[in-house]
Amino acid sequence: MATVAVLTIVGSILALVGADEAGIRMGIRATARTSVVLFSLAFAASALRRRWRNDATAWLLRHRRQIGVSFAVSHVVHLLLIFALFGWTWAGFVAGRPS
């Protein structure tokens, strides 16, 4: 679910602001923020559960793996946006490869 949210956020930013440098930079900042939140939740899940035993921390601990995967997706999108900012493409990467 968080993966869909991250992709929706980035897609909305690029659709509303544009896929030029300003839009890509805004997408980079957005994925940096979503990545830090998702990583922090996945990292702190067991400590939060030990400290506060309630339904929210139980849910967080049960879904820690999915939150971690969502962090990974957010970070990959972040990397792809950085590549897009510098104009890197797969074709350019393959063409620039030494033989």
PDB file of N, CA and C in Angstrom:
ATOM      1  N   MET A   1       0.819  -1.192   0.000  1.00  0.00           N
ATOM      2  CA  MET A   1       0.000   0.000   0.000  1.00  0.00           C
ATOM      3  C   MET A   1       0.865   1.260   0.000  1.00  0.00           C
ATOM      4  N   ALA A   2       1.919   1.261   0.787  1.00  0.00           N
ATOM      5  CA  ALA A   2       2.813   2.419   0.809  1.00  0.00           C
ATOM      6  C   ALA A   2       3.527   2.581  -0.523  1.00  0.00           C
ATOM      7  N   THR A   3       3.811   1.468  -1.185  1.00  0.00           N
ATOM      8  CA  THR A   3       4.450   1.524  -2.498  1.00  0.00           C
ATOM      9  C   THR A   3       3.549   2.256  -3.490  1.00  0.00           C
ATOM     10  N   VAL A   4       2.273   1.944  -3.473  1.00  0.00           N
ATOM     11  CA  VAL A   4       1.321   2.615  -4.348  1.00  0.00           C
ATOM     12  C   VAL A   4       1.257   4.101  -4.010  1.00  0.00           C
ATOM     13  N   ALA A   5       1.306   4.426  -2.718  1.00  0.00           N
ATOM     14  CA  ALA A   5       1.275   5.829  -2.302  1.00  0.00           C
ATOM     15  C   ALA A   5       2.499   6.579  -2.812  1.00  0.00           C
ATOM     16  N   VAL A   6       3.678   5.985  -2.694  1.00  0.00           N
ATOM     17  CA  VAL A   6       4.907   6.631  -3.168  1.00  0.00           C
ATOM     18  C   VAL A   6       4.842   6.864  -4.670  1.00  0.00           C
ATOM     19  N   LEU A   7       4.431   5.846  -5.411  1.00  0.00           N
ATOM     20  CA  LEU A   7       4.334   5.984  -6.862  1.00  0.00           C
ATOM     21  C   LEU A   7       3.274   7.013  -7.262  1.00  0.00           C
ATOM     22  N   THR A   8       2.180   7.075  -6.521  1.00  0.00           N
ATOM     23  CA  THR A   8       1.136   8.065  -6.784  1.00  0.00           C
ATOM     24  C   THR A   8       1.646   9.476  -6.509  1.00  0.00           C
ATOM     25  N   ILE A   9       2.372   9.642  -5.423  1.00  0.00           N
ATOM     26  CA  ILE A   9       2.940  10.956  -5.091  1.00  0.00           C
ATOM     27  C   ILE A   9       3.873  11.424  -6.190  1.00  0.00           C
ATOM     28  N   VAL A  10       4.793  10.565  -6.600  1.00  0.00           N
ATOM     29  CA  VAL A  10       5.762  10.947  -7.633  1.00  0.00           C
ATOM     30  C   VAL A  10       5.052  11.192  -8.965  1.00  0.00           C
ATOM     31  N   GLY A  11       4.123  10.334  -9.315  1.00  0.00           N
ATOM     32  CA  GLY A  11       3.371  10.527 -10.552  1.00  0.00           C
ATOM     33  C   GLY A  11       2.583  11.827 -10.549  1.00  0.00           C
ATOM     34  N   SER A  12       1.979  12.153  -9.422  1.00  0.00           N
ATOM     35  CA  SER A  12       1.226  13.401  -9.306  1.00  0.00           C
ATOM     36  C   SER A  12       2.139  14.612  -9.426  1.00  0.00           C
ATOM     37  N   ILE A  13       3.287  14.547  -8.784  1.00  0.00           N
ATOM     38  CA  ILE A  13       4.238  15.656  -8.864  1.00  0.00           C
ATOM     39  C   ILE A  13       4.681  15.872 -10.310  1.00  0.00           C
ATOM     40  N   LEU A  14       5.047  14.788 -10.969  1.00  0.00           N
ATOM     41  CA  LEU A  14       5.516  14.923 -12.347  1.00  0.00           C
ATOM     42  C   LEU A  14       4.395  15.376 -13.286  1.00  0.00           C
ATOM     43  N   ALA A  15       3.155  14.978 -13.002  1.00  0.00           N
ATOM     44  CA  ALA A  15       2.033  15.393 -13.845  1.00  0.00           C
ATOM     45  C   ALA A  15       1.673  16.857 -13.611  1.00  0.00           C
ATOM     46  N   LEU A  16       1.715  17.300 -12.364  1.00  0.00           N
ATOM     47  CA  LEU A  16       1.305  18.667 -12.052  1.00  0.00           C
ATOM     48  C   LEU A  16       2.407  19.690 -12.294  1.00  0.00           C
ATOM     49  N   VAL A  17       3.619  19.358 -11.875  1.00  0.00           N
ATOM     50  CA  VAL A  17       4.732  20.305 -11.991  1.00  0.00           C
ATOM     51  C   VAL A  17       5.418  20.173 -13.341  1.00  0.00           C
ATOM     52  N   GLY A  18       5.465  18.962 -13.856  1.00  0.00           N
ATOM     53  CA  GLY A  18       6.131  18.706 -15.126  1.00  0.00           C
ATOM     54  C   GLY A  18       7.332  17.809 -14.916  1.00  0.00           C
ATOM     55  N   ALA A  19       7.797  17.217 -15.991  1.00  0.00           N
ATOM     56  CA  ALA A  19       8.925  16.294 -15.916  1.00  0.00           C
ATOM     57  C   ALA A  19      10.237  17.001 -16.237  1.00  0.00           C
ATOM     58  N   ASP A  20      10.248  18.325 -16.032  1.00  0.00           N
ATOM     59  CA  ASP A  20      11.487  19.067 -16.245  1.00  0.00           C
ATOM     60  C   ASP A  20      12.316  19.033 -14.957  1.00  0.00           C
ATOM     61  N   GLU A  21      13.342  19.845 -14.883  1.00  0.00           N
ATOM     62  CA  GLU A  21      14.244  19.805 -13.731  1.00  0.00           C
ATOM     63  C   GLU A  21      13.529  20.111 -12.416  1.00  0.00           C
ATOM     64  N   ALA A  22      12.628  21.073 -12.421  1.00  0.00           N
ATOM     65  CA  ALA A  22      11.916  21.431 -11.187  1.00  0.00           C
ATOM     66  C   ALA A  22      11.055  20.271 -10.682  1.00  0.00           C
ATOM     67  N   GLY A  23      10.352  19.617 -11.578  1.00  0.00           N
ATOM     68  CA  GLY A  23       9.513  18.489 -11.183  1.00  0.00           C
ATOM     69  C   GLY A  23      10.321  17.306 -10.694  1.00  0.00           C
ATOM     70  N   ILE A  24      11.426  17.041 -11.368  1.00  0.00           N
ATOM     71  CA  ILE A  24      12.275  15.923 -10.949  1.00  0.00           C
ATOM     72  C   ILE A  24      12.890  16.209  -9.584  1.00  0.00           C
ATOM     73  N   ARG A  25      13.339  17.438  -9.372  1.00  0.00           N
ATOM     74  CA  ARG A  25      13.903  17.796  -8.064  1.00  0.00           C
ATOM     75  C   ARG A  25      12.857  17.693  -6.960  1.00  0.00           C
ATOM     76  N   MET A  26      11.640  18.087  -7.243  1.00  0.00           N
ATOM     77  CA  MET A  26      10.567  17.958  -6.262  1.00  0.00           C
ATOM     78  C   MET A  26      10.274  16.486  -5.974  1.00  0.00           C
ATOM     79  N   GLY A  27      10.307  15.645  -7.002  1.00  0.00           N
ATOM     80  CA  GLY A  27      10.121  14.205  -6.812  1.00  0.00           C
ATOM     81  C   GLY A  27      11.245  13.602  -5.983  1.00  0.00           C
ATOM     82  N   ILE A  28      12.468  14.071  -6.186  1.00  0.00           N
ATOM     83  CA  ILE A  28      13.607  13.590  -5.398  1.00  0.00           C
ATOM     84  C   ILE A  28      13.412  13.937  -3.924  1.00  0.00           C
ATOM     85  N   ARG A  29      12.988  15.162  -3.665  1.00  0.00           N
ATOM     86  CA  ARG A  29      12.761  15.560  -2.266  1.00  0.00           C
ATOM     87  C   ARG A  29      11.619  14.748  -1.639  1.00  0.00           C
ATOM     88  N   ALA A  30      10.563  14.506  -2.416  1.00  0.00           N
ATOM     89  CA  ALA A  30       9.426  13.740  -1.894  1.00  0.00           C
ATOM     90  C   ALA A  30       9.830  12.306  -1.570  1.00  0.00           C
ATOM     91  N   THR A  31      10.586  11.663  -2.461  1.00  0.00           N
ATOM     92  CA  THR A  31      10.992  10.281  -2.183  1.00  0.00           C
ATOM     93  C   THR A  31      12.016  10.212  -1.057  1.00  0.00           C
ATOM     94  N   ALA A  32      12.814  11.248  -0.887  1.00  0.00           N
ATOM     95  CA  ALA A  32      13.730  11.272   0.258  1.00  0.00           C
ATOM     96  C   ALA A  32      12.933  11.296   1.560  1.00  0.00           C
ATOM     97  N   ARG A  33      11.875  12.069   1.571  1.00  0.00           N
ATOM     98  CA  ARG A  33      11.038  12.157   2.785  1.00  0.00           C
ATOM     99  C   ARG A  33      10.282  10.865   3.044  1.00  0.00           C
ATOM    100  N   THR A  34       9.699  10.282   1.990  1.00  0.00           N
ATOM    101  CA  THR A  34       8.967   9.029   2.206  1.00  0.00           C
ATOM    102  C   THR A  34       9.930   7.911   2.615  1.00  0.00           C
ATOM    103  N   SER A  35      11.131   7.927   2.048  1.00  0.00           N
ATOM    104  CA  SER A  35      12.112   6.895   2.403  1.00  0.00           C
ATOM    105  C   SER A  35      12.505   6.980   3.868  1.00  0.00           C
ATOM    106  N   VAL A  36      12.737   8.184   4.367  1.00  0.00           N
ATOM    107  CA  VAL A  36      13.163   8.306   5.764  1.00  0.00           C
ATOM    108  C   VAL A  36      12.036   7.886   6.717  1.00  0.00           C
ATOM    109  N   VAL A  37      10.801   8.202   6.379  1.00  0.00           N
ATOM    110  CA  VAL A  37       9.680   7.792   7.235  1.00  0.00           C
ATOM    111  C   VAL A  37       9.521   6.276   7.222  1.00  0.00           C
ATOM    112  N   LEU A  38       9.540   5.685   6.042  1.00  0.00           N
ATOM    113  CA  LEU A  38       9.372   4.228   5.954  1.00  0.00           C
ATOM    114  C   LEU A  38      10.526   3.490   6.610  1.00  0.00           C
ATOM    115  N   PHE A  39      11.757   3.960   6.408  1.00  0.00           N
ATOM    116  CA  PHE A  39      12.904   3.316   7.039  1.00  0.00           C
ATOM    117  C   PHE A  39      12.807   3.420   8.558  1.00  0.00           C
ATOM    118  N   SER A  40      12.457   4.584   9.052  1.00  0.00           N
ATOM    119  CA  SER A  40      12.356   4.774  10.508  1.00  0.00           C
ATOM    120  C   SER A  40      11.295   3.869  11.120  1.00  0.00           C
ATOM    121  N   LEU A  41      10.169   3.731  10.442  1.00  0.00           N
ATOM    122  CA  LEU A  41       9.111   2.853  10.957  1.00  0.00           C
ATOM    123  C   LEU A  41       9.559   1.395  10.973  1.00  0.00           C
ATOM    124  N   ALA A  42      10.193   0.945   9.887  1.00  0.00           N
ATOM    125  CA  ALA A  42      10.646  -0.448   9.822  1.00  0.00           C
ATOM    126  C   ALA A  42      11.744  -0.702  10.855  1.00  0.00           C
ATOM    127  N   PHE A  43      12.645   0.245  11.003  1.00  0.00           N
ATOM    128  CA  PHE A  43      13.774   0.079  11.917  1.00  0.00           C
ATOM    129  C   PHE A  43      13.323   0.071  13.375  1.00  0.00           C
ATOM    130  N   ALA A  44      12.365   0.908  13.713  1.00  0.00           N
ATOM    131  CA  ALA A  44      11.972   1.071  15.111  1.00  0.00           C
ATOM    132  C   ALA A  44      10.788   0.210  15.538  1.00  0.00           C
ATOM    133  N   ALA A  45      10.272  -0.627  14.649  1.00  0.00           N
ATOM    134  CA  ALA A  45       9.041  -1.379  14.941  1.00  0.00           C
ATOM    135  C   ALA A  45       9.139  -2.219  16.206  1.00  0.00           C
ATOM    136  N   SER A  46      10.201  -2.995  16.345  1.00  0.00           N
ATOM    137  CA  SER A  46      10.283  -3.871  17.529  1.00  0.00           C
ATOM    138  C   SER A  46      10.522  -3.068  18.802  1.00  0.00           C
ATOM    139  N   ALA A  47      11.303  -2.012  18.735  1.00  0.00           N
ATOM    140  CA  ALA A  47      11.538  -1.174  19.921  1.00  0.00           C
ATOM    141  C   ALA A  47      10.252  -0.463  20.341  1.00  0.00           C
ATOM    142  N   LEU A  48       9.507   0.018  19.377  1.00  0.00           N
ATOM    143  CA  LEU A  48       8.236   0.666  19.704  1.00  0.00           C
ATOM    144  C   LEU A  48       7.258  -0.322  20.321  1.00  0.00           C
ATOM    145  N   ARG A  49       7.256  -1.555  19.802  1.00  0.00           N
ATOM    146  CA  ARG A  49       6.356  -2.588  20.355  1.00  0.00           C
ATOM    147  C   ARG A  49       6.724  -2.922  21.800  1.00  0.00           C
ATOM    148  N   ARG A  50       8.047  -2.987  22.080  1.00  0.00           N
ATOM    149  CA  ARG A  50       8.462  -3.265  23.462  1.00  0.00           C
ATOM    150  C   ARG A  50       8.088  -2.122  24.400  1.00  0.00           C
ATOM    151  N   ARG A  51       8.160  -0.894  23.899  1.00  0.00           N
ATOM    152  CA  ARG A  51       7.890   0.273  24.739  1.00  0.00           C
ATOM    153  C   ARG A  51       6.395   0.494  24.934  1.00  0.00           C
ATOM    154  N   TRP A  52       5.628   0.430  23.844  1.00  0.00           N
ATOM    155  CA  TRP A  52       4.186   0.649  23.902  1.00  0.00           C
ATOM    156  C   TRP A  52       3.474  -0.553  23.306  1.00  0.00           C
ATOM    157  N   ARG A  53       2.834  -1.332  24.136  1.00  0.00           N
ATOM    158  CA  ARG A  53       2.127  -2.515  23.677  1.00  0.00           C
ATOM    159  C   ARG A  53       0.666  -2.140  23.405  1.00  0.00           C
ATOM    160  N   ASN A  54       0.411  -1.773  22.174  1.00  0.00           N
ATOM    161  CA  ASN A  54      -0.957  -1.448  21.771  1.00  0.00           C
ATOM    162  C   ASN A  54      -1.197  -1.976  20.353  1.00  0.00           C
ATOM    163  N   ASP A  55      -2.381  -1.747  19.850  1.00  0.00           N
ATOM    164  CA  ASP A  55      -2.746  -2.277  18.533  1.00  0.00           C
ATOM    165  C   ASP A  55      -1.898  -1.674  17.410  1.00  0.00           C
ATOM    166  N   ALA A  56      -1.567  -0.399  17.516  1.00  0.00           N
ATOM    167  CA  ALA A  56      -0.794   0.262  16.462  1.00  0.00           C
ATOM    168  C   ALA A  56       0.611  -0.328  16.351  1.00  0.00           C
ATOM    169  N   THR A  57       1.273  -0.549  17.486  1.00  0.00           N
ATOM    170  CA  THR A  57       2.626  -1.106  17.422  1.00  0.00           C
ATOM    171  C   THR A  57       2.596  -2.582  17.042  1.00  0.00           C
ATOM    172  N   ALA A  58       1.526  -3.289  17.405  1.00  0.00           N
ATOM    173  CA  ALA A  58       1.389  -4.686  16.968  1.00  0.00           C
ATOM    174  C   ALA A  58       1.245  -4.744  15.449  1.00  0.00           C
ATOM    175  N   TRP A  59       0.432  -3.850  14.884  1.00  0.00           N
ATOM    176  CA  TRP A  59       0.264  -3.794  13.436  1.00  0.00           C
ATOM    177  C   TRP A  59       1.590  -3.449  12.764  1.00  0.00           C
ATOM    178  N   LEU A  60       2.300  -2.485  13.335  1.00  0.00           N
ATOM    179  CA  LEU A  60       3.582  -2.064  12.776  1.00  0.00           C
ATOM    180  C   LEU A  60       4.576  -3.223  12.762  1.00  0.00           C
ATOM    181  N   LEU A  61       4.636  -3.983  13.829  1.00  0.00           N
ATOM    182  CA  LEU A  61       5.546  -5.123  13.902  1.00  0.00           C
ATOM    183  C   LEU A  61       5.152  -6.229  12.923  1.00  0.00           C
ATOM    184  N   ARG A  62       3.850  -6.476  12.793  1.00  0.00           N
ATOM    185  CA  ARG A  62       3.380  -7.491  11.850  1.00  0.00           C
ATOM    186  C   ARG A  62       3.694  -7.128  10.404  1.00  0.00           C
ATOM    187  N   HIS A  63       3.677  -5.863  10.079  1.00  0.00           N
ATOM    188  CA  HIS A  63       3.857  -5.406   8.699  1.00  0.00           C
ATOM    189  C   HIS A  63       5.229  -4.787   8.447  1.00  0.00           C
ATOM    190  N   ARG A  64       6.170  -5.089   9.307  1.00  0.00           N
ATOM    191  CA  ARG A  64       7.505  -4.505   9.186  1.00  0.00           C
ATOM    192  C   ARG A  64       8.162  -4.876   7.856  1.00  0.00           C
ATOM    193  N   ARG A  65       8.010  -6.085   7.399  1.00  0.00           N
ATOM    194  CA  ARG A  65       8.633  -6.494   6.140  1.00  0.00           C
ATOM    195  C   ARG A  65       8.057  -5.719   4.957  1.00  0.00           C
ATOM    196  N   GLN A  66       6.738  -5.560   4.912  1.00  0.00           N
ATOM    197  CA  GLN A  66       6.123  -4.806   3.830  1.00  0.00           C
ATOM    198  C   GLN A  66       6.553  -3.339   3.866  1.00  0.00           C
ATOM    199  N   ILE A  67       6.710  -2.794   5.060  1.00  0.00           N
ATOM    200  CA  ILE A  67       7.175  -1.419   5.196  1.00  0.00           C
ATOM    201  C   ILE A  67       8.614  -1.314   4.695  1.00  0.00           C
ATOM    202  N   GLY A  68       9.433  -2.305   4.989  1.00  0.00           N
ATOM    203  CA  GLY A  68      10.807  -2.322   4.502  1.00  0.00           C
ATOM    204  C   GLY A  68      10.877  -2.418   2.989  1.00  0.00           C
ATOM    205  N   VAL A  69      10.007  -3.227   2.389  1.00  0.00           N
ATOM    206  CA  VAL A  69       9.972  -3.336   0.928  1.00  0.00           C
ATOM    207  C   VAL A  69       9.500  -2.014   0.325  1.00  0.00           C
ATOM    208  N   SER A  70       8.548  -1.369   0.965  1.00  0.00           N
ATOM    209  CA  SER A  70       8.090  -0.069   0.486  1.00  0.00           C
ATOM    210  C   SER A  70       9.213   0.962   0.570  1.00  0.00           C
ATOM    211  N   PHE A  71      10.025   0.881   1.614  1.00  0.00           N
ATOM    212  CA  PHE A  71      11.199   1.751   1.704  1.00  0.00           C
ATOM    213  C   PHE A  71      12.131   1.497   0.527  1.00  0.00           C
ATOM    214  N   ALA A  72      12.362   0.251   0.211  1.00  0.00           N
ATOM    215  CA  ALA A  72      13.256  -0.088  -0.899  1.00  0.00           C
ATOM    216  C   ALA A  72      12.714   0.453  -2.218  1.00  0.00           C
ATOM    217  N   VAL A  73      11.420   0.318  -2.445  1.00  0.00           N
ATOM    218  CA  VAL A  73      10.817   0.841  -3.676  1.00  0.00           C
ATOM    219  C   VAL A  73      10.952   2.364  -3.723  1.00  0.00           C
ATOM    220  N   SER A  74      10.699   3.020  -2.605  1.00  0.00           N
ATOM    221  CA  SER A  74      10.829   4.475  -2.548  1.00  0.00           C
ATOM    222  C   SER A  74      12.250   4.907  -2.857  1.00  0.00           C
ATOM    223  N   HIS A  75      13.209   4.165  -2.344  1.00  0.00           N
ATOM    224  CA  HIS A  75      14.612   4.511  -2.562  1.00  0.00           C
ATOM    225  C   HIS A  75      15.040   4.237  -4.007  1.00  0.00           C
ATOM    226  N   VAL A  76      14.509   3.192  -4.618  1.00  0.00           N
ATOM    227  CA  VAL A  76      14.811   2.920  -6.030  1.00  0.00           C
ATOM    228  C   VAL A  76      14.218   4.019  -6.912  1.00  0.00           C
ATOM    229  N   VAL A  77      12.996   4.445  -6.614  1.00  0.00           N
ATOM    230  CA  VAL A  77      12.400   5.550  -7.365  1.00  0.00           C
ATOM    231  C   VAL A  77      13.245   6.810  -7.181  1.00  0.00           C
ATOM    232  N   HIS A  78      13.733   7.026  -5.970  1.00  0.00           N
ATOM    233  CA  HIS A  78      14.623   8.151  -5.679  1.00  0.00           C
ATOM    234  C   HIS A  78      15.871   8.083  -6.571  1.00  0.00           C
ATOM    235  N   LEU A  79      16.478   6.911  -6.664  1.00  0.00           N
ATOM    236  CA  LEU A  79      17.664   6.726  -7.502  1.00  0.00           C
ATOM    237  C   LEU A  79      17.349   6.973  -8.976  1.00  0.00           C
ATOM    238  N   LEU A  80      16.217   6.458  -9.440  1.00  0.00           N
ATOM    239  CA  LEU A  80      15.836   6.657 -10.835  1.00  0.00           C
ATOM    240  C   LEU A  80      15.597   8.133 -11.146  1.00  0.00           C
ATOM    241  N   LEU A  81      15.033   8.856 -10.196  1.00  0.00           N
ATOM    242  CA  LEU A  81      14.841  10.290 -10.396  1.00  0.00           C
ATOM    243  C   LEU A  81      16.182  11.028 -10.447  1.00  0.00           C
ATOM    244  N   ILE A  82      17.135  10.597  -9.644  1.00  0.00           N
ATOM    245  CA  ILE A  82      18.471  11.198  -9.701  1.00  0.00           C
ATOM    246  C   ILE A  82      19.091  10.923 -11.060  1.00  0.00           C
ATOM    247  N   PHE A  83      18.960   9.703 -11.555  1.00  0.00           N
ATOM    248  CA  PHE A  83      19.453   9.388 -12.897  1.00  0.00           C
ATOM    249  C   PHE A  83      18.772  10.276 -13.940  1.00  0.00           C
ATOM    250  N   ALA A  84      17.462  10.448 -13.814  1.00  0.00           N
ATOM    251  CA  ALA A  84      16.723  11.277 -14.768  1.00  0.00           C
ATOM    252  C   ALA A  84      17.184  12.728 -14.705  1.00  0.00           C
ATOM    253  N   LEU A  85      17.518  13.206 -13.532  1.00  0.00           N
ATOM    254  CA  LEU A  85      17.988  14.583 -13.379  1.00  0.00           C
ATOM    255  C   LEU A  85      19.275  14.821 -14.157  1.00  0.00           C
ATOM    256  N   PHE A  86      20.138  13.837 -14.179  1.00  0.00           N
ATOM    257  CA  PHE A  86      21.401  13.970 -14.888  1.00  0.00           C
ATOM    258  C   PHE A  86      21.322  13.504 -16.338  1.00  0.00           C
ATOM    259  N   GLY A  87      20.121  13.127 -16.790  1.00  0.00           N
ATOM    260  CA  GLY A  87      19.924  12.748 -18.179  1.00  0.00           C
ATOM    261  C   GLY A  87      20.488  11.387 -18.535  1.00  0.00           C
ATOM    262  N   TRP A  88      20.656  10.535 -17.532  1.00  0.00           N
ATOM    263  CA  TRP A  88      21.169   9.201 -17.803  1.00  0.00           C
ATOM    264  C   TRP A  88      20.047   8.324 -18.315  1.00  0.00           C
ATOM    265  N   THR A  89      20.330   7.597 -19.393  1.00  0.00           N
ATOM    266  CA  THR A  89      19.378   6.640 -19.932  1.00  0.00           C
ATOM    267  C   THR A  89      20.070   5.298 -20.089  1.00  0.00           C
ATOM    268  N   TRP A  90      19.281   4.255 -20.243  1.00  0.00           N
ATOM    269  CA  TRP A  90      19.861   2.927 -20.433  1.00  0.00           C
ATOM    270  C   TRP A  90      20.650   2.884 -21.740  1.00  0.00           C
ATOM    271  N   ALA A  91      20.107   3.476 -22.790  1.00  0.00           N
ATOM    272  CA  ALA A  91      20.800   3.484 -24.080  1.00  0.00           C
ATOM    273  C   ALA A  91      22.124   4.240 -23.978  1.00  0.00           C
ATOM    274  N   GLY A  92      22.118   5.357 -23.256  1.00  0.00           N
ATOM    275  CA  GLY A  92      23.362   6.117 -23.074  1.00  0.00           C
ATOM    276  C   GLY A  92      24.370   5.353 -22.237  1.00  0.00           C
ATOM    277  N   PHE A  93      23.887   4.601 -21.254  1.00  0.00           N
ATOM    278  CA  PHE A  93      24.771   3.802 -20.417  1.00  0.00           C
ATOM    279  C   PHE A  93      25.424   2.697 -21.251  1.00  0.00           C
ATOM    280  N   VAL A  94      24.646   2.014 -22.057  1.00  0.00           N
ATOM    281  CA  VAL A  94      25.171   0.928 -22.871  1.00  0.00           C
ATOM    282  C   VAL A  94      26.114   1.477 -23.933  1.00  0.00           C
ATOM    283  N   ALA A  95      25.776   2.599 -24.554  1.00  0.00           N
ATOM    284  CA  ALA A  95      26.621   3.185 -25.604  1.00  0.00           C
ATOM    285  C   ALA A  95      27.938   3.703 -25.034  1.00  0.00           C
ATOM    286  N   GLY A  96      27.938   4.163 -23.791  1.00  0.00           N
ATOM    287  CA  GLY A  96      29.138   4.723 -23.189  1.00  0.00           C
ATOM    288  C   GLY A  96      30.029   3.693 -22.521  1.00  0.00           C
ATOM    289  N   ARG A  97      29.625   2.440 -22.554  1.00  0.00           N
ATOM    290  CA  ARG A  97      30.349   1.367 -21.898  1.00  0.00           C
ATOM    291  C   ARG A  97      31.629   1.035 -22.682  1.00  0.00           C
ATOM    292  N   PRO A  98      32.750   0.916 -22.007  1.00  0.00           N
ATOM    293  CA  PRO A  98      33.988   0.543 -22.729  1.00  0.00           C
ATOM    294  C   PRO A  98      33.909  -0.893 -23.223  1.00  0.00           C
ATOM    295  N   SER A  99      34.495  -1.146 -24.387  1.00  0.00           N
ATOM    296  CA  SER A  99      34.450  -2.488 -24.995  1.00  0.00           C
ATOM    297  C   SER A  99      35.514  -3.392 -24.441  1.00  0.00           C
TER     298      SER A  99
END
